[in-house]
N, C-alpha and C. Protein backbone atom coordinates (compact mmCIF):
# COMPACT_ATOMS: atom_id res chain seq x y z
N MET A 1 101.66 98.86 125.94
CA MET A 1 102.15 98.47 124.63
C MET A 1 103.65 98.72 124.60
N VAL A 2 104.38 97.78 123.99
CA VAL A 2 105.81 97.93 123.81
C VAL A 2 106.09 98.05 122.32
N LEU A 3 106.86 99.08 121.95
CA LEU A 3 107.19 99.32 120.55
C LEU A 3 108.68 99.61 120.47
N GLY A 4 109.42 98.73 119.82
CA GLY A 4 110.85 98.92 119.66
C GLY A 4 111.60 98.96 120.97
N GLY A 5 111.15 98.18 121.95
CA GLY A 5 111.80 98.15 123.25
C GLY A 5 111.39 99.28 124.17
N ILE A 6 110.52 100.18 123.71
CA ILE A 6 110.05 101.30 124.53
C ILE A 6 108.64 100.97 125.01
N THR A 7 108.42 101.03 126.31
CA THR A 7 107.08 100.82 126.84
C THR A 7 106.32 102.13 126.73
N LEU A 8 105.24 102.12 125.96
CA LEU A 8 104.41 103.31 125.81
C LEU A 8 103.38 103.30 126.93
N THR A 9 103.55 104.18 127.90
CA THR A 9 102.64 104.24 129.04
C THR A 9 101.51 105.19 128.67
N VAL A 10 100.49 104.62 128.07
CA VAL A 10 99.37 105.42 127.59
C VAL A 10 98.07 104.68 127.92
N ASP A 11 96.99 105.43 127.96
CA ASP A 11 95.66 104.84 128.10
C ASP A 11 95.14 104.59 126.69
N ARG A 12 95.11 103.33 126.29
CA ARG A 12 94.66 103.01 124.94
C ARG A 12 93.16 103.25 124.82
N LEU A 13 92.77 103.97 123.80
CA LEU A 13 91.36 104.19 123.52
C LEU A 13 90.83 103.14 122.56
N SER A 14 91.66 102.83 121.56
CA SER A 14 91.24 101.80 120.61
C SER A 14 92.47 101.27 119.88
N ILE A 15 92.37 100.03 119.47
CA ILE A 15 93.37 99.40 118.62
C ILE A 15 92.58 98.71 117.52
N SER A 16 92.89 99.06 116.29
CA SER A 16 92.18 98.43 115.18
C SER A 16 93.19 97.90 114.17
N MET A 17 92.80 96.84 113.50
CA MET A 17 93.66 96.23 112.49
C MET A 17 92.92 96.27 111.17
N SER A 18 93.64 96.60 110.11
CA SER A 18 93.01 96.64 108.79
C SER A 18 94.01 96.23 107.73
N GLY A 19 93.52 95.91 106.57
CA GLY A 19 94.38 95.64 105.43
C GLY A 19 94.97 94.25 105.34
N VAL A 20 94.55 93.33 106.22
CA VAL A 20 95.06 91.96 106.12
C VAL A 20 94.48 91.36 104.85
N SER A 21 95.35 90.85 103.98
CA SER A 21 94.86 90.32 102.72
C SER A 21 95.76 89.20 102.20
N ARG A 22 95.20 88.38 101.36
CA ARG A 22 95.91 87.29 100.70
C ARG A 22 95.50 87.30 99.24
N GLU A 23 96.45 87.12 98.36
CA GLU A 23 96.15 87.07 96.93
C GLU A 23 95.35 85.83 96.58
N SER A 24 94.50 85.95 95.59
CA SER A 24 93.81 84.78 95.03
C SER A 24 94.41 84.52 93.65
N ILE A 25 94.75 83.28 93.40
CA ILE A 25 95.39 82.90 92.14
C ILE A 25 94.39 82.12 91.31
N GLU A 26 94.13 82.63 90.14
CA GLU A 26 93.14 81.96 89.27
C GLU A 26 93.73 80.68 88.69
N THR A 27 92.93 79.61 88.75
CA THR A 27 93.35 78.31 88.20
C THR A 27 92.44 77.85 87.08
N THR A 28 91.57 78.75 86.62
CA THR A 28 90.66 78.42 85.54
C THR A 28 91.44 78.02 84.29
N ASN A 29 90.98 76.99 83.61
CA ASN A 29 91.61 76.58 82.35
C ASN A 29 90.53 76.24 81.34
N LEU A 30 90.93 75.81 80.16
CA LEU A 30 89.96 75.55 79.09
C LEU A 30 88.99 74.42 79.43
N ALA A 31 89.35 73.54 80.36
CA ALA A 31 88.48 72.43 80.73
C ALA A 31 87.52 72.79 81.86
N THR A 32 87.67 73.97 82.45
CA THR A 32 86.81 74.39 83.56
C THR A 32 85.41 74.66 83.04
N THR A 33 84.43 74.16 83.78
CA THR A 33 83.03 74.46 83.45
C THR A 33 82.41 75.18 84.63
N GLY A 34 81.39 75.96 84.36
CA GLY A 34 80.75 76.70 85.44
C GLY A 34 81.55 77.94 85.79
N GLY A 35 81.75 78.16 87.07
CA GLY A 35 82.46 79.35 87.54
C GLY A 35 83.97 79.21 87.47
N ARG A 36 84.65 80.33 87.48
CA ARG A 36 86.12 80.34 87.51
C ARG A 36 86.59 79.72 88.82
N THR A 37 87.80 79.16 88.84
CA THR A 37 88.35 78.54 90.04
C THR A 37 89.59 79.29 90.50
N PHE A 38 89.82 79.25 91.81
CA PHE A 38 90.93 79.99 92.44
C PHE A 38 91.54 79.17 93.57
N ILE A 39 92.80 79.47 93.89
CA ILE A 39 93.45 78.94 95.08
C ILE A 39 94.05 80.12 95.84
N PRO A 40 94.24 79.97 97.16
CA PRO A 40 94.85 81.09 97.91
C PRO A 40 96.36 81.14 97.69
N GLY A 41 96.91 82.34 97.67
CA GLY A 41 98.36 82.51 97.60
C GLY A 41 99.00 82.03 98.90
N ASN A 42 100.26 81.68 98.88
CA ASN A 42 100.96 81.21 100.07
C ASN A 42 101.29 82.34 101.04
N LEU A 43 101.50 83.55 100.55
CA LEU A 43 101.89 84.67 101.39
C LEU A 43 100.71 85.62 101.60
N TYR A 44 100.72 86.30 102.72
CA TYR A 44 99.67 87.29 102.98
C TYR A 44 100.28 88.59 103.48
N ASP A 45 99.53 89.65 103.31
CA ASP A 45 99.91 90.97 103.83
C ASP A 45 99.31 91.05 105.23
N PRO A 46 100.13 91.22 106.28
CA PRO A 46 99.60 91.24 107.64
C PRO A 46 98.86 92.52 108.02
N GLY A 47 98.78 93.48 107.11
CA GLY A 47 97.99 94.68 107.36
C GLY A 47 98.66 95.70 108.25
N SER A 48 97.85 96.54 108.87
CA SER A 48 98.32 97.63 109.72
C SER A 48 97.52 97.67 111.01
N LEU A 49 98.15 98.19 112.06
CA LEU A 49 97.48 98.46 113.33
C LEU A 49 97.38 99.95 113.51
N GLU A 50 96.23 100.43 113.95
CA GLU A 50 96.09 101.84 114.31
C GLU A 50 95.76 101.89 115.79
N VAL A 51 96.53 102.66 116.53
CA VAL A 51 96.35 102.79 117.98
C VAL A 51 96.01 104.25 118.29
N GLU A 52 94.89 104.44 119.00
CA GLU A 52 94.51 105.76 119.50
C GLU A 52 94.69 105.73 121.01
N PHE A 53 95.21 106.83 121.58
CA PHE A 53 95.53 106.81 123.01
C PHE A 53 95.40 108.18 123.65
N HIS A 54 95.27 108.17 124.98
CA HIS A 54 95.44 109.33 125.84
C HIS A 54 96.71 109.08 126.61
N VAL A 55 97.47 110.12 126.90
CA VAL A 55 98.68 109.97 127.70
C VAL A 55 98.29 109.83 129.16
N ASP A 56 98.89 108.89 129.84
CA ASP A 56 98.69 108.69 131.28
C ASP A 56 99.28 109.91 132.00
N ASN A 57 98.44 110.71 132.62
CA ASN A 57 98.89 111.96 133.25
C ASN A 57 99.82 111.73 134.43
N ASP A 58 99.88 110.51 134.96
CA ASP A 58 100.77 110.21 136.08
C ASP A 58 102.17 109.83 135.63
N THR A 59 102.40 109.77 134.31
CA THR A 59 103.69 109.35 133.77
C THR A 59 104.26 110.48 132.93
N PRO A 60 105.54 110.78 133.07
CA PRO A 60 106.14 111.85 132.26
C PRO A 60 106.02 111.57 130.77
N ALA A 61 105.87 112.63 130.01
CA ALA A 61 105.71 112.51 128.55
C ALA A 61 106.96 111.95 127.88
N THR A 62 108.08 111.87 128.59
CA THR A 62 109.30 111.35 127.98
C THR A 62 109.17 109.88 127.60
N THR A 63 108.14 109.18 128.12
CA THR A 63 107.95 107.79 127.72
C THR A 63 107.54 107.69 126.26
N MET A 64 107.10 108.80 125.68
CA MET A 64 106.73 108.82 124.26
C MET A 64 107.90 109.38 123.48
N ASN A 65 108.91 108.57 123.22
CA ASN A 65 110.10 109.02 122.51
C ASN A 65 109.83 108.93 121.00
N VAL A 66 109.28 110.00 120.45
CA VAL A 66 108.85 110.01 119.06
C VAL A 66 110.01 109.75 118.11
N ASN A 67 111.18 110.34 118.38
CA ASN A 67 112.33 110.13 117.48
C ASN A 67 112.70 108.67 117.36
N THR A 68 112.71 107.94 118.47
CA THR A 68 113.04 106.52 118.42
C THR A 68 111.97 105.74 117.66
N ILE A 69 110.70 106.06 117.92
CA ILE A 69 109.61 105.35 117.26
C ILE A 69 109.69 105.54 115.74
N LEU A 70 109.98 106.75 115.29
CA LEU A 70 109.95 107.03 113.86
C LEU A 70 111.25 106.66 113.13
N THR A 71 112.36 106.49 113.83
CA THR A 71 113.60 106.20 113.14
C THR A 71 113.93 104.71 113.08
N ASP A 72 113.28 103.88 113.87
CA ASP A 72 113.51 102.44 113.78
C ASP A 72 112.94 101.95 112.45
N ALA A 73 113.76 101.30 111.65
CA ALA A 73 113.30 100.81 110.35
C ALA A 73 112.21 99.76 110.53
N THR A 74 112.52 98.64 111.10
CA THR A 74 111.54 97.62 111.45
C THR A 74 111.83 97.21 112.88
N THR A 75 110.79 97.18 113.70
CA THR A 75 110.98 96.91 115.11
C THR A 75 109.94 95.92 115.61
N THR A 76 110.16 95.35 116.76
CA THR A 76 109.17 94.45 117.34
C THR A 76 108.12 95.26 118.08
N TRP A 77 106.93 94.71 118.17
CA TRP A 77 105.87 95.33 118.94
C TRP A 77 105.10 94.25 119.69
N VAL A 78 104.54 94.64 120.83
CA VAL A 78 103.74 93.73 121.65
C VAL A 78 102.54 94.50 122.16
N ILE A 79 101.36 93.93 122.00
CA ILE A 79 100.15 94.50 122.56
C ILE A 79 99.61 93.51 123.58
N LEU A 80 99.50 93.95 124.82
CA LEU A 80 98.95 93.11 125.88
C LEU A 80 97.45 93.32 125.95
N ASN A 81 96.71 92.24 125.93
CA ASN A 81 95.26 92.30 126.04
C ASN A 81 94.91 92.45 127.52
N PRO A 82 94.12 93.45 127.91
CA PRO A 82 93.77 93.63 129.32
C PRO A 82 93.05 92.41 129.91
N GLU A 83 92.45 91.59 129.06
CA GLU A 83 91.73 90.41 129.53
C GLU A 83 92.59 89.16 129.50
N GLY A 84 93.89 89.32 129.22
CA GLY A 84 94.81 88.19 129.15
C GLY A 84 95.25 87.94 127.73
N GLY A 85 96.47 87.46 127.59
CA GLY A 85 97.01 87.17 126.27
C GLY A 85 97.73 88.37 125.69
N LYS A 86 98.36 88.13 124.54
CA LYS A 86 99.09 89.21 123.88
C LYS A 86 99.20 88.91 122.38
N TYR A 87 99.49 89.95 121.63
CA TYR A 87 99.77 89.87 120.21
C TYR A 87 101.15 90.48 120.00
N ASP A 88 101.97 89.85 119.17
CA ASP A 88 103.27 90.45 118.89
C ASP A 88 103.70 90.16 117.47
N GLY A 89 104.59 91.01 116.98
CA GLY A 89 105.08 90.89 115.62
C GLY A 89 106.14 91.94 115.34
N ASN A 90 106.36 92.19 114.07
CA ASN A 90 107.33 93.20 113.63
C ASN A 90 106.62 94.22 112.77
N GLY A 91 107.17 95.41 112.70
CA GLY A 91 106.58 96.44 111.86
C GLY A 91 107.29 97.77 112.04
N PHE A 92 106.73 98.79 111.43
CA PHE A 92 107.31 100.13 111.52
C PHE A 92 106.19 101.15 111.47
N VAL A 93 106.43 102.30 112.12
CA VAL A 93 105.43 103.35 112.19
C VAL A 93 105.39 104.09 110.85
N THR A 94 104.18 104.23 110.30
CA THR A 94 104.01 104.96 109.04
C THR A 94 103.33 106.31 109.25
N ASP A 95 102.70 106.50 110.42
CA ASP A 95 101.98 107.74 110.67
C ASP A 95 101.90 107.95 112.17
N PHE A 96 102.15 109.18 112.63
CA PHE A 96 102.10 109.50 114.05
C PHE A 96 101.48 110.86 114.23
N ASN A 97 100.46 110.94 115.09
CA ASN A 97 99.78 112.21 115.39
C ASN A 97 99.79 112.43 116.89
N TRP A 98 100.04 113.65 117.31
CA TRP A 98 100.16 113.97 118.72
C TRP A 98 99.51 115.31 118.98
N THR A 99 98.66 115.40 120.02
CA THR A 99 98.02 116.65 120.40
C THR A 99 98.21 116.85 121.90
N TYR A 100 98.72 118.01 122.28
CA TYR A 100 98.93 118.33 123.68
C TYR A 100 98.25 119.67 123.96
N PRO A 101 96.90 119.68 124.07
CA PRO A 101 96.17 120.94 124.22
C PRO A 101 96.28 121.52 125.63
N LEU A 102 96.04 122.80 125.72
CA LEU A 102 96.02 123.50 127.00
C LEU A 102 94.81 123.04 127.79
N GLU A 103 95.01 122.64 129.03
CA GLU A 103 93.95 122.24 129.95
C GLU A 103 93.07 121.13 129.41
N ASP A 104 93.69 120.16 128.78
CA ASP A 104 92.96 118.99 128.29
C ASP A 104 93.92 117.81 128.28
N VAL A 105 93.41 116.66 128.04
CA VAL A 105 94.23 115.44 128.03
C VAL A 105 95.01 115.35 126.73
N ALA A 106 96.30 115.08 126.85
CA ALA A 106 97.12 114.85 125.66
C ALA A 106 96.69 113.54 125.01
N SER A 107 96.63 113.54 123.70
CA SER A 107 96.18 112.34 122.99
C SER A 107 96.91 112.22 121.67
N GLY A 108 96.75 111.09 121.05
CA GLY A 108 97.39 110.89 119.76
C GLY A 108 97.00 109.58 119.14
N SER A 109 97.63 109.29 118.02
CA SER A 109 97.41 108.02 117.33
C SER A 109 98.64 107.73 116.48
N PHE A 110 98.83 106.46 116.19
CA PHE A 110 99.86 106.08 115.23
C PHE A 110 99.42 104.85 114.48
N THR A 111 99.98 104.71 113.28
CA THR A 111 99.71 103.55 112.44
C THR A 111 100.99 102.76 112.31
N LEU A 112 100.88 101.47 112.51
CA LEU A 112 102.02 100.57 112.47
C LEU A 112 101.81 99.59 111.33
N LYS A 113 102.66 99.62 110.31
CA LYS A 113 102.59 98.66 109.20
C LYS A 113 103.24 97.37 109.67
N CYS A 114 102.48 96.31 109.71
CA CYS A 114 102.98 95.01 110.16
C CYS A 114 103.83 94.38 109.06
N SER A 115 104.85 93.63 109.47
CA SER A 115 105.75 92.96 108.54
C SER A 115 106.01 91.55 109.05
N GLY A 116 105.68 90.55 108.26
CA GLY A 116 105.86 89.16 108.69
C GLY A 116 104.64 88.65 109.44
N SER A 117 104.80 87.56 110.15
CA SER A 117 103.69 86.93 110.86
C SER A 117 103.39 87.62 112.18
N ILE A 118 102.13 87.55 112.58
CA ILE A 118 101.67 88.06 113.87
C ILE A 118 101.37 86.85 114.74
N THR A 119 101.84 86.89 115.98
CA THR A 119 101.63 85.77 116.90
C THR A 119 100.63 86.17 117.98
N ALA A 120 99.63 85.33 118.20
CA ALA A 120 98.67 85.54 119.27
C ALA A 120 98.93 84.49 120.35
N THR A 121 99.04 84.94 121.61
CA THR A 121 99.31 84.03 122.73
C THR A 121 98.23 84.25 123.78
N ASN A 122 97.61 83.18 124.24
CA ASN A 122 96.63 83.27 125.32
C ASN A 122 97.30 82.91 126.62
N THR A 123 96.98 83.65 127.69
CA THR A 123 97.55 83.32 129.01
C THR A 123 96.45 83.08 130.00
């Protein structure tokens, strides 16, 4: 995964997307019979991505530059699908958790608030 130009060398455990939504605009009027009527809004909220990961033990932890990740206002991100293709867009980190326990695998998670359109590319 690339976030703000930084390649995060991690073993992804899961990537989930939530909160994608579009407003519904009521068009019901005095002449409407039966149920209320609606049309979709033109704009949508692209939601958020949550990524859970283990740190790749063969790569130095410096690849996880937390200060850069948290200080970029809005940055580009790219998620490569292991089966081919990719997703990319813009967003910013809203939550970051990191655990580096004694004699165990370092792990963490972060939430990325998406901003603008998300592009899916198949390869």
